[in-house]
Amino acid sequence: IIPLFLLTTFTFKTCDGLSSNKFMKIVLTREKGKNDKLFEKLSSDDRLEHVNLEEIPCIEHAEGPDLNKLVPFLQRQQYSTFACDYIVITSPEAATVFGEAYNLSSRPTIGKVAAVGKATKETLENLGIRVEFVPSKATAATLCMELPEEYTDMPTKVFYPASAQAKPTLQEGLEKRGFEVTRLNTYDTVPAKFSDAQFSSAKDADVVCFGSPSAVKAWLKNMGGDRTERIPAACIGETSAQACREMGWDEENIFYPEKPGIGGWASVVVDALAKVREHCNVFQ
């Protein structure tokens, strides 16, 4: 568990129910052990002195309903009748699950691997899997527009091992371009249940960081919708930001970078906290 990052206290005037004489708090909500990069980036930012960083995981991963089909599917890739032109991996967790199955299937010859986002690409490469294509923006919609077509007499075949919670954006977008998409839900993302201590701490958050729509939904499930209209949400990208909109956040309290990634995410966390400080007339 990431410890609280504590520096010298500062005081701010009470506003909108926030208590005075307290540290400001940023909550990181990715699954346990996956908040380290953002934590390190924020911890090294001088603009975030006198701030607590706390990990309160909103989600955890579980086996997907199609996981038992993954190894047999990969083993068939050595036969041209079943071979896919592309394998599309959209998250580090999808990459991890895929890599484990790839090893279990004796690392057969596979099609070109496309990865959405730098972190997904790095996870795959650390598993010894070469990545051939990364879209210019780390979103499913961008990949749908940019993935090159294989010009043959047959449709370009894509294999998409996905989260059971993933929207159909990717397969529908590629199918509209004439691609043939096979999707297997190889893992699932489920809400983590807050302990009493985590719930109490989460109520004092000044900024909450979301790395996925699932985390947004899980936060609300745990918090009962408390403060959703005003607590600033710092999102990794526009997909999580859209989930906040759909769940009732005010637009002025949604922050996200143009391009998803840890650097941009950390920057909008700073922007979100700056808004809180301005609103509350913070002074050291």
Protein backbone atom coordinates (compact mmCIF):
# COMPACT_ATOMS: atom_id res chain seq x y z
CA ILE A 1 0.00 0.00 0.00
CA ILE A 2 1.33 3.43 -0.88
CA PRO A 3 1.92 5.43 2.31
CA LEU A 4 0.65 8.92 2.77
CA PHE A 5 3.00 11.55 1.45
CA LEU A 6 3.06 14.08 4.27
CA LEU A 7 4.82 17.42 4.40
CA THR A 8 4.31 20.54 6.50
CA THR A 9 0.67 21.41 7.13
CA PHE A 10 -1.03 24.47 5.76
CA THR A 11 -4.33 26.04 6.67
CA PHE A 12 -7.17 27.15 4.46
CA LYS A 13 -10.49 28.76 5.12
CA THR A 14 -13.50 26.51 5.43
CA CYS A 15 -15.55 26.33 2.23
CA ASP A 16 -18.39 24.10 1.01
CA GLY A 17 -18.15 21.81 3.96
CA LEU A 18 -14.38 21.26 3.79
CA SER A 19 -12.81 21.32 7.24
CA SER A 20 -10.11 23.84 8.08
CA ASN A 21 -6.60 23.15 9.39
CA LYS A 22 -6.07 20.00 7.39
CA PHE A 23 -3.83 18.63 4.70
CA MET A 24 -5.27 18.74 1.22
CA LYS A 25 -5.71 15.21 -0.08
CA ILE A 26 -5.42 13.63 -3.51
CA VAL A 27 -6.83 10.10 -3.81
CA LEU A 28 -5.41 7.62 -6.35
CA THR A 29 -7.97 4.98 -7.31
CA ARG A 30 -6.31 2.48 -9.64
CA GLU A 31 -6.12 -1.13 -8.50
CA LYS A 32 -3.68 -1.97 -5.73
CA GLY A 33 -0.08 -1.71 -6.91
CA LYS A 34 -0.92 0.19 -10.13
CA ASN A 35 -0.78 3.73 -8.73
CA ASP A 36 3.01 3.83 -8.33
CA LYS A 37 3.88 5.76 -11.51
CA LEU A 38 1.35 8.52 -10.86
CA PHE A 39 2.34 8.63 -7.20
CA GLU A 40 6.02 9.07 -8.09
CA LYS A 41 5.23 11.75 -10.67
CA LEU A 42 3.10 13.74 -8.24
CA SER A 43 5.52 13.28 -5.33
CA SER A 44 8.32 14.90 -7.33
CA ASP A 45 6.24 17.96 -8.29
CA ASP A 46 7.16 21.00 -6.21
CA ARG A 47 3.70 22.45 -6.81
CA LEU A 48 2.25 19.69 -4.67
CA GLU A 49 4.08 20.44 -1.46
CA HIS A 50 1.91 20.19 1.65
CA VAL A 51 -0.39 17.61 0.06
CA ASN A 52 -1.32 14.05 1.02
CA LEU A 53 -1.36 11.38 -1.66
CA GLU A 54 -3.39 8.34 -0.69
CA GLU A 55 -4.10 5.11 -2.54
CA ILE A 56 -7.70 3.92 -2.21
CA PRO A 57 -8.20 1.29 -4.93
CA CYS A 58 -11.62 1.45 -6.55
CA ILE A 59 -11.22 -1.61 -8.76
CA GLU A 60 -9.66 -5.05 -8.86
CA HIS A 61 -9.27 -7.52 -11.67
CA ALA A 62 -10.83 -10.95 -12.02
CA GLU A 63 -10.95 -13.68 -14.65
CA GLY A 64 -13.15 -12.92 -17.63
CA PRO A 65 -15.82 -15.32 -18.91
CA ASP A 66 -13.75 -16.13 -22.04
CA LEU A 67 -10.36 -16.63 -20.39
CA ASN A 68 -10.44 -20.41 -20.89
CA LYS A 69 -10.77 -19.85 -24.65
CA LEU A 70 -7.65 -17.69 -24.97
CA VAL A 71 -4.92 -20.37 -25.03
CA PRO A 72 -6.76 -22.59 -27.57
CA PHE A 73 -7.38 -19.52 -29.74
CA LEU A 74 -3.69 -18.62 -29.72
CA GLN A 75 -2.65 -22.19 -30.47
CA ARG A 76 -4.78 -22.11 -33.63
CA GLN A 77 -2.96 -19.01 -34.89
CA GLN A 78 -0.26 -21.19 -36.48
CA TYR A 79 -2.82 -22.36 -39.04
CA SER A 80 -3.51 -19.87 -41.83
CA THR A 81 -7.25 -20.51 -41.79
CA PHE A 82 -7.49 -19.09 -38.26
CA ALA A 83 -4.62 -16.58 -38.34
CA CYS A 84 -5.40 -12.95 -37.49
CA ASP A 85 -3.70 -10.00 -39.14
CA TYR A 86 -3.70 -7.98 -35.91
CA ILE A 87 -4.00 -8.57 -32.21
CA VAL A 88 -5.21 -5.40 -30.49
CA ILE A 89 -4.33 -4.87 -26.83
CA THR A 90 -5.88 -1.85 -25.14
CA SER A 91 -4.58 -1.84 -21.54
CA PRO A 92 -1.66 -3.05 -19.40
CA GLU A 93 -3.95 -5.59 -17.70
CA ALA A 94 -5.08 -6.96 -21.08
CA ALA A 95 -1.40 -7.16 -22.03
CA THR A 96 -0.54 -9.10 -18.85
CA VAL A 97 -3.37 -11.60 -19.34
CA PHE A 98 -2.49 -12.00 -23.01
CA GLY A 99 1.21 -12.48 -22.22
CA GLU A 100 0.50 -15.25 -19.73
CA ALA A 101 -1.68 -17.10 -22.24
CA TYR A 102 0.87 -16.54 -25.02
CA ASN A 103 3.53 -18.29 -22.93
CA LEU A 104 1.16 -21.12 -22.00
CA SER A 105 0.43 -21.68 -25.69
CA SER A 106 4.21 -21.99 -26.40
CA ARG A 107 4.46 -18.55 -28.03
CA PRO A 108 3.01 -19.38 -31.46
CA THR A 109 3.46 -17.21 -34.52
CA ILE A 110 0.87 -14.44 -34.31
CA GLY A 111 -0.21 -11.44 -36.33
CA LYS A 112 0.98 -7.90 -35.82
CA VAL A 113 0.36 -6.57 -32.32
CA ALA A 114 -1.23 -3.14 -31.88
CA ALA A 115 -1.14 -1.47 -28.46
CA VAL A 116 -3.25 1.42 -27.19
CA GLY A 117 -1.04 3.66 -25.08
CA LYS A 118 2.58 3.80 -23.96
CA ALA A 119 2.00 1.79 -20.78
CA THR A 120 0.34 -1.04 -22.73
CA LYS A 121 3.20 -1.06 -25.24
CA GLU A 122 5.79 -1.19 -22.46
CA THR A 123 3.97 -4.05 -20.72
CA LEU A 124 3.92 -6.09 -23.91
CA GLU A 125 7.57 -5.42 -24.72
CA ASN A 126 8.58 -6.37 -21.18
CA LEU A 127 6.87 -9.71 -21.87
CA GLY A 128 8.93 -10.15 -25.03
CA ILE A 129 6.09 -9.33 -27.41
CA ARG A 130 6.93 -6.97 -30.27
CA VAL A 131 4.49 -4.11 -30.86
CA GLU A 132 4.01 -3.10 -34.49
CA PHE A 133 1.47 -0.30 -34.17
CA VAL A 134 0.49 2.36 -31.64
CA PRO A 135 -2.19 4.96 -32.51
CA SER A 136 -1.35 8.65 -32.28
CA LYS A 137 -3.77 9.01 -29.37
CA ALA A 138 -4.35 6.34 -26.73
CA THR A 139 -8.05 5.77 -27.36
CA ALA A 140 -10.03 3.00 -29.02
CA ALA A 141 -11.65 5.52 -31.35
CA THR A 142 -8.27 6.71 -32.64
CA LEU A 143 -7.06 3.17 -33.18
CA CYS A 144 -10.21 2.44 -35.17
CA MET A 145 -9.41 5.30 -37.52
CA GLU A 146 -5.67 4.68 -37.84
CA LEU A 147 -5.13 0.90 -37.84
CA PRO A 148 -3.81 0.07 -41.34
CA GLU A 149 -5.86 -2.28 -43.46
CA GLU A 150 -4.29 -5.42 -44.94
CA TYR A 151 -5.03 -5.19 -48.65
CA THR A 152 -5.95 -8.75 -49.64
CA ASP A 153 -9.00 -10.51 -51.05
CA MET A 154 -10.11 -11.23 -47.49
CA PRO A 155 -11.20 -8.79 -44.75
CA THR A 156 -8.48 -7.73 -42.32
CA LYS A 157 -8.85 -10.01 -39.29
CA VAL A 158 -8.44 -8.57 -35.80
CA PHE A 159 -8.32 -10.40 -32.49
CA TYR A 160 -9.39 -8.27 -29.51
CA PRO A 161 -8.83 -9.73 -26.01
CA ALA A 162 -10.76 -7.31 -23.83
CA SER A 163 -12.19 -6.47 -20.46
CA ALA A 164 -15.74 -7.68 -19.96
CA GLN A 165 -16.56 -4.07 -19.05
CA ALA A 166 -15.14 -2.54 -22.25
CA LYS A 167 -17.64 -0.76 -24.47
CA PRO A 168 -18.05 -2.03 -28.06
CA THR A 169 -16.36 1.10 -29.47
CA LEU A 170 -13.33 -0.72 -30.85
CA GLN A 171 -14.94 -3.69 -32.56
CA GLU A 172 -17.83 -1.64 -33.92
CA GLY A 173 -15.49 1.02 -35.27
CA LEU A 174 -13.27 -1.52 -37.02
CA GLU A 175 -16.24 -3.48 -38.36
CA LYS A 176 -17.59 -0.30 -39.95
CA ARG A 177 -14.31 -0.14 -41.88
CA GLY A 178 -14.79 -3.71 -43.07
CA PHE A 179 -12.50 -5.44 -40.57
CA GLU A 180 -13.47 -8.83 -39.15
CA VAL A 181 -13.17 -8.68 -35.34
CA THR A 182 -13.07 -11.55 -32.86
CA ARG A 183 -13.48 -10.43 -29.26
CA LEU A 184 -12.84 -12.52 -26.16
CA ASN A 185 -13.55 -11.06 -22.72
CA THR A 186 -10.41 -12.41 -21.06
CA TYR A 187 -10.56 -10.43 -17.82
CA ASP A 188 -13.06 -8.46 -15.80
CA THR A 189 -12.88 -5.28 -13.76
CA VAL A 190 -14.91 -5.40 -10.56
CA PRO A 191 -15.49 -2.76 -7.86
CA ALA A 192 -13.30 -2.94 -4.77
CA LYS A 193 -15.22 -2.52 -1.52
CA PHE A 194 -13.95 0.29 0.71
CA SER A 195 -13.18 -0.47 4.33
CA ASP A 196 -14.66 1.85 6.94
CA ALA A 197 -11.30 3.61 7.19
CA GLN A 198 -11.06 4.02 3.42
CA PHE A 199 -14.61 5.37 3.23
CA SER A 200 -13.88 7.90 5.96
CA SER A 201 -10.66 8.97 4.26
CA ALA A 202 -12.28 9.18 0.83
CA LYS A 203 -14.90 11.59 2.17
CA ASP A 204 -12.09 14.06 2.92
CA ALA A 205 -10.61 13.94 -0.60
CA ASP A 206 -10.09 17.25 -2.36
CA VAL A 207 -9.22 15.68 -5.73
CA VAL A 208 -9.88 12.13 -6.93
CA CYS A 209 -7.88 10.54 -9.77
CA PHE A 210 -9.60 8.16 -12.19
CA GLY A 211 -7.79 5.84 -14.61
CA SER A 212 -10.86 4.17 -16.11
CA PRO A 213 -14.66 4.42 -16.32
CA SER A 214 -14.83 1.38 -14.04
CA ALA A 215 -13.04 3.32 -11.32
CA VAL A 216 -15.56 6.17 -11.65
CA LYS A 217 -18.48 3.78 -11.23
CA ALA A 218 -16.83 1.98 -8.33
CA TRP A 219 -16.12 5.27 -6.54
CA LEU A 220 -19.80 6.18 -6.73
CA LYS A 221 -20.87 2.72 -5.62
CA ASN A 222 -18.66 2.98 -2.54
CA MET A 223 -19.47 6.61 -1.78
CA GLY A 224 -23.17 6.50 -2.53
CA GLY A 225 -22.84 9.42 -4.92
CA ASP A 226 -21.57 11.70 -2.16
CA ARG A 227 -20.07 14.99 -3.43
CA THR A 228 -20.05 13.93 -7.07
CA GLU A 229 -21.24 17.30 -8.23
CA ARG A 230 -18.30 19.21 -6.82
CA ILE A 231 -15.22 17.13 -6.03
CA PRO A 232 -12.72 17.69 -8.86
CA ALA A 233 -12.01 14.56 -10.90
CA ALA A 234 -8.57 14.28 -12.52
CA CYS A 235 -8.92 11.71 -15.31
CA ILE A 236 -6.25 9.91 -17.31
CA GLY A 237 -8.10 10.66 -20.56
CA GLU A 238 -11.35 11.58 -22.22
CA THR A 239 -12.95 8.14 -21.79
CA SER A 240 -12.84 8.41 -18.01
CA ALA A 241 -13.88 12.06 -18.25
CA GLN A 242 -16.94 11.06 -20.26
CA ALA A 243 -17.84 8.53 -17.56
CA CYS A 244 -17.74 11.36 -15.02
CA ARG A 245 -20.09 13.43 -17.16
CA GLU A 246 -22.49 10.52 -17.48
CA MET A 247 -22.37 10.00 -13.72
CA GLY A 248 -23.29 13.56 -12.83
CA TRP A 249 -20.08 15.54 -12.43
CA ASP A 250 -20.20 19.23 -13.26
CA GLU A 251 -18.11 19.94 -16.34
CA GLU A 252 -16.03 22.53 -14.47
CA ASN A 253 -14.89 19.80 -12.08
CA ILE A 254 -13.66 17.37 -14.77
CA PHE A 255 -9.99 17.59 -15.75
CA TYR A 256 -8.24 15.46 -18.36
CA PRO A 257 -5.30 15.78 -20.79
CA GLU A 258 -5.67 15.88 -24.56
CA LYS A 259 -3.53 12.74 -24.82
CA PRO A 260 -3.80 10.02 -22.14
CA GLY A 261 -0.62 9.23 -20.22
CA ILE A 262 1.01 9.60 -16.82
CA GLY A 263 2.62 12.96 -17.60
CA GLY A 264 -0.58 14.58 -18.81
CA TRP A 265 -2.56 12.97 -16.02
CA ALA A 266 -0.23 14.38 -13.38
CA SER A 267 -0.52 17.81 -14.97
CA VAL A 268 -4.32 17.87 -14.75
CA VAL A 269 -4.13 16.68 -11.12
CA VAL A 270 -2.17 19.87 -10.45
CA ASP A 271 -4.79 21.88 -12.34
CA ALA A 272 -7.60 20.30 -10.32
CA LEU A 273 -5.89 21.03 -7.02
CA ALA A 274 -5.21 24.60 -8.10
CA LYS A 275 -8.94 25.04 -8.59
CA VAL A 276 -9.62 23.76 -5.08
CA ARG A 277 -7.03 26.11 -3.62
CA GLU A 278 -8.44 29.06 -5.53
CA HIS A 279 -12.00 28.23 -4.53
CA CYS A 280 -11.12 27.83 -0.89
CA ASN A 281 -8.78 30.83 -0.74
CA VAL A 282 -5.94 28.64 0.47
CA PHE A 283 -3.02 30.20 2.25
CA GLN A 284 0.01 28.64 3.85
